[in-house]
Amino acid sequence: MTTFDEREAAFESKYAHDAELQFRLEARANRKLAQWAAEQLGKSASELDSYTAEVIRADLKEAGPEDVIAKVAADLAPVATTMTVREKYAAFLAEAKAELTAS
């Protein structure tokens, strides 16, 4: 194996690791956002799991967090603005990153 092949394998490995980390970060932030939104909507503990599953299913529509933010913003329309939901998502993403890097 040449040096070039070794570097290529290392870059591929790093890319796969970074992609997996990003997926885990977004999944954790989505869950936190769903739980926060459920609290804002006054959902009971039994409804929390159902609502979280709805939000996670919304994430399957397109890549990135936009579909989740749009769903939660629509659900919270009378309570919170889209900008508030975006700010919360950003805070939850930073929180998720701190949690994952600590472990």
C-alpha atoms as a PDB file:
ATOM      1  CA  MET A   1       0.000   0.000   0.000  1.00  0.00           C
ATOM      2  CA  THR A   2       1.414   3.371  -0.989  1.00  0.00           C
ATOM      3  CA  THR A   3       1.428   6.503   1.087  1.00  0.00           C
ATOM      4  CA  PHE A   4      -1.286   7.934  -1.142  1.00  0.00           C
ATOM      5  CA  ASP A   5      -3.510   4.894  -0.524  1.00  0.00           C
ATOM      6  CA  GLU A   6      -2.969   5.191   3.215  1.00  0.00           C
ATOM      7  CA  ARG A   7      -3.868   8.890   3.159  1.00  0.00           C
ATOM      8  CA  GLU A   8      -6.958   8.146   1.069  1.00  0.00           C
ATOM      9  CA  ALA A   9      -8.079   5.464   3.540  1.00  0.00           C
ATOM     10  CA  ALA A  10      -7.481   7.836   6.434  1.00  0.00           C
ATOM     11  CA  PHE A  11      -9.566  10.601   4.797  1.00  0.00           C
ATOM     12  CA  GLU A  12     -12.371   8.124   4.039  1.00  0.00           C
ATOM     13  CA  SER A  13     -12.323   6.934   7.636  1.00  0.00           C
ATOM     14  CA  LYS A  14     -12.415  10.505   8.956  1.00  0.00           C
ATOM     15  CA  TYR A  15     -15.288  11.384   6.615  1.00  0.00           C
ATOM     16  CA  ALA A  16     -17.302   8.364   7.791  1.00  0.00           C
ATOM     17  CA  HIS A  17     -16.599   9.245  11.427  1.00  0.00           C
ATOM     18  CA  ASP A  18     -17.600  12.888  10.925  1.00  0.00           C
ATOM     19  CA  ALA A  19     -20.799  11.901   9.095  1.00  0.00           C
ATOM     20  CA  GLU A  20     -21.770   9.510  11.886  1.00  0.00           C
ATOM     21  CA  LEU A  21     -21.033  12.150  14.522  1.00  0.00           C
ATOM     22  CA  GLN A  22     -23.160  14.727  12.673  1.00  0.00           C
ATOM     23  CA  PHE A  23     -26.032  12.236  12.441  1.00  0.00           C
ATOM     24  CA  ARG A  24     -25.833  11.517  16.170  1.00  0.00           C
ATOM     25  CA  LEU A  25     -25.689  15.238  16.982  1.00  0.00           C
ATOM     26  CA  GLU A  26     -28.737  16.031  14.876  1.00  0.00           C
ATOM     27  CA  ALA A  27     -30.687  13.065  16.244  1.00  0.00           C
ATOM     28  CA  ARG A  28     -29.983  14.128  19.816  1.00  0.00           C
ATOM     29  CA  ALA A  29     -30.856  17.771  19.083  1.00  0.00           C
ATOM     30  CA  ASN A  30     -34.087  16.684  17.358  1.00  0.00           C
ATOM     31  CA  ARG A  31     -35.099  14.652  20.403  1.00  0.00           C
ATOM     32  CA  LYS A  32     -34.343  17.556  22.749  1.00  0.00           C
ATOM     33  CA  LEU A  33     -36.294  19.977  20.539  1.00  0.00           C
ATOM     34  CA  ALA A  34     -39.260  17.593  20.441  1.00  0.00           C
ATOM     35  CA  GLN A  35     -39.261  17.274  24.220  1.00  0.00           C
ATOM     36  CA  TRP A  36     -39.063  21.047  24.655  1.00  0.00           C
ATOM     37  CA  ALA A  37     -41.897  21.580  22.175  1.00  0.00           C
ATOM     38  CA  ALA A  38     -44.019  18.949  23.914  1.00  0.00           C
ATOM     39  CA  GLU A  39     -43.565  20.838  27.183  1.00  0.00           C
ATOM     40  CA  GLN A  40     -44.563  24.094  25.487  1.00  0.00           C
ATOM     41  CA  LEU A  41     -47.675  22.426  24.108  1.00  0.00           C
ATOM     42  CA  GLY A  42     -48.578  20.970  27.505  1.00  0.00           C
ATOM     43  CA  LYS A  43     -48.355  17.352  26.356  1.00  0.00           C
ATOM     44  CA  SER A  44     -48.617  14.662  29.013  1.00  0.00           C
ATOM     45  CA  ALA A  45     -45.884  12.123  29.671  1.00  0.00           C
ATOM     46  CA  SER A  46     -47.739   9.523  27.626  1.00  0.00           C
ATOM     47  CA  GLU A  47     -48.055  11.938  24.690  1.00  0.00           C
ATOM     48  CA  LEU A  48     -44.376  12.872  24.865  1.00  0.00           C
ATOM     49  CA  ASP A  49     -43.124   9.669  23.222  1.00  0.00           C
ATOM     50  CA  SER A  50     -45.720   9.910  20.465  1.00  0.00           C
ATOM     51  CA  TYR A  51     -44.859  13.535  19.716  1.00  0.00           C
ATOM     52  CA  THR A  52     -41.119  12.800  19.762  1.00  0.00           C
ATOM     53  CA  ALA A  53     -41.689  10.024  17.226  1.00  0.00           C
ATOM     54  CA  GLU A  54     -43.664  12.463  15.024  1.00  0.00           C
ATOM     55  CA  VAL A  55     -40.803  14.951  15.056  1.00  0.00           C
ATOM     56  CA  ILE A  56     -38.241  12.250  14.289  1.00  0.00           C
ATOM     57  CA  ARG A  57     -40.382  11.043  11.359  1.00  0.00           C
ATOM     58  CA  ALA A  58     -40.478  14.627  10.088  1.00  0.00           C
ATOM     59  CA  ASP A  59     -36.673  14.542   9.911  1.00  0.00           C
ATOM     60  CA  LEU A  60     -36.843  11.811   7.269  1.00  0.00           C
ATOM     61  CA  LYS A  61     -38.373  14.122   4.650  1.00  0.00           C
ATOM     62  CA  GLU A  62     -35.189  15.964   3.675  1.00  0.00           C
ATOM     63  CA  ALA A  63     -31.580  16.298   4.732  1.00  0.00           C
ATOM     64  CA  GLY A  64     -30.768  18.751   7.480  1.00  0.00           C
ATOM     65  CA  PRO A  65     -32.813  20.191  10.305  1.00  0.00           C
ATOM     66  CA  GLU A  66     -35.161  22.383   8.244  1.00  0.00           C
ATOM     67  CA  ASP A  67     -37.987  19.840   8.131  1.00  0.00           C
ATOM     68  CA  VAL A  68     -37.868  19.372  11.908  1.00  0.00           C
ATOM     69  CA  ILE A  69     -37.756  23.103  12.560  1.00  0.00           C
ATOM     70  CA  ALA A  70     -40.688  23.680  10.189  1.00  0.00           C
ATOM     71  CA  LYS A  71     -42.800  20.989  11.870  1.00  0.00           C
ATOM     72  CA  VAL A  72     -42.106  22.202  15.404  1.00  0.00           C
ATOM     73  CA  ALA A  73     -42.612  25.848  14.392  1.00  0.00           C
ATOM     74  CA  ALA A  74     -45.971  24.965  12.824  1.00  0.00           C
ATOM     75  CA  ASP A  75     -47.003  23.077  15.959  1.00  0.00           C
ATOM     76  CA  LEU A  76     -45.923  25.959  18.188  1.00  0.00           C
ATOM     77  CA  ALA A  77     -47.298  28.745  15.964  1.00  0.00           C
ATOM     78  CA  PRO A  78     -49.456  30.321  18.676  1.00  0.00           C
ATOM     79  CA  VAL A  79     -46.760  29.928  21.346  1.00  0.00           C
ATOM     80  CA  ALA A  80     -43.378  30.523  19.665  1.00  0.00           C
ATOM     81  CA  THR A  81     -41.965  31.966  16.452  1.00  0.00           C
ATOM     82  CA  THR A  82     -39.841  30.140  13.903  1.00  0.00           C
ATOM     83  CA  MET A  83     -36.863  32.189  15.063  1.00  0.00           C
ATOM     84  CA  THR A  84     -37.381  30.974  18.634  1.00  0.00           C
ATOM     85  CA  VAL A  85     -37.487  27.368  17.416  1.00  0.00           C
ATOM     86  CA  ARG A  86     -34.284  27.904  15.403  1.00  0.00           C
ATOM     87  CA  GLU A  87     -32.538  29.416  18.423  1.00  0.00           C
ATOM     88  CA  LYS A  88     -33.638  26.502  20.602  1.00  0.00           C
ATOM     89  CA  TYR A  89     -32.449  23.998  17.977  1.00  0.00           C
ATOM     90  CA  ALA A  90     -29.048  25.710  17.811  1.00  0.00           C
ATOM     91  CA  ALA A  91     -28.778  25.625  21.606  1.00  0.00           C
ATOM     92  CA  PHE A  92     -29.773  21.948  21.695  1.00  0.00           C
ATOM     93  CA  LEU A  93     -27.253  21.159  18.948  1.00  0.00           C
ATOM     94  CA  ALA A  94     -24.479  22.825  20.966  1.00  0.00           C
ATOM     95  CA  GLU A  95     -25.652  20.964  24.075  1.00  0.00           C
ATOM     96  CA  ALA A  96     -25.628  17.658  22.185  1.00  0.00           C
ATOM     97  CA  LYS A  97     -22.108  18.355  20.910  1.00  0.00           C
ATOM     98  CA  ALA A  98     -20.895  19.034  24.445  1.00  0.00           C
ATOM     99  CA  GLU A  99     -22.525  15.817  25.672  1.00  0.00           C
ATOM    100  CA  LEU A 100     -21.035  13.682  22.901  1.00  0.00           C
ATOM    101  CA  THR A 101     -17.550  15.112  23.181  1.00  0.00           C
ATOM    102  CA  ALA A 102     -17.603  14.626  26.957  1.00  0.00           C
ATOM    103  CA  SER A 103     -18.391  10.927  26.613  1.00  0.00           C
END
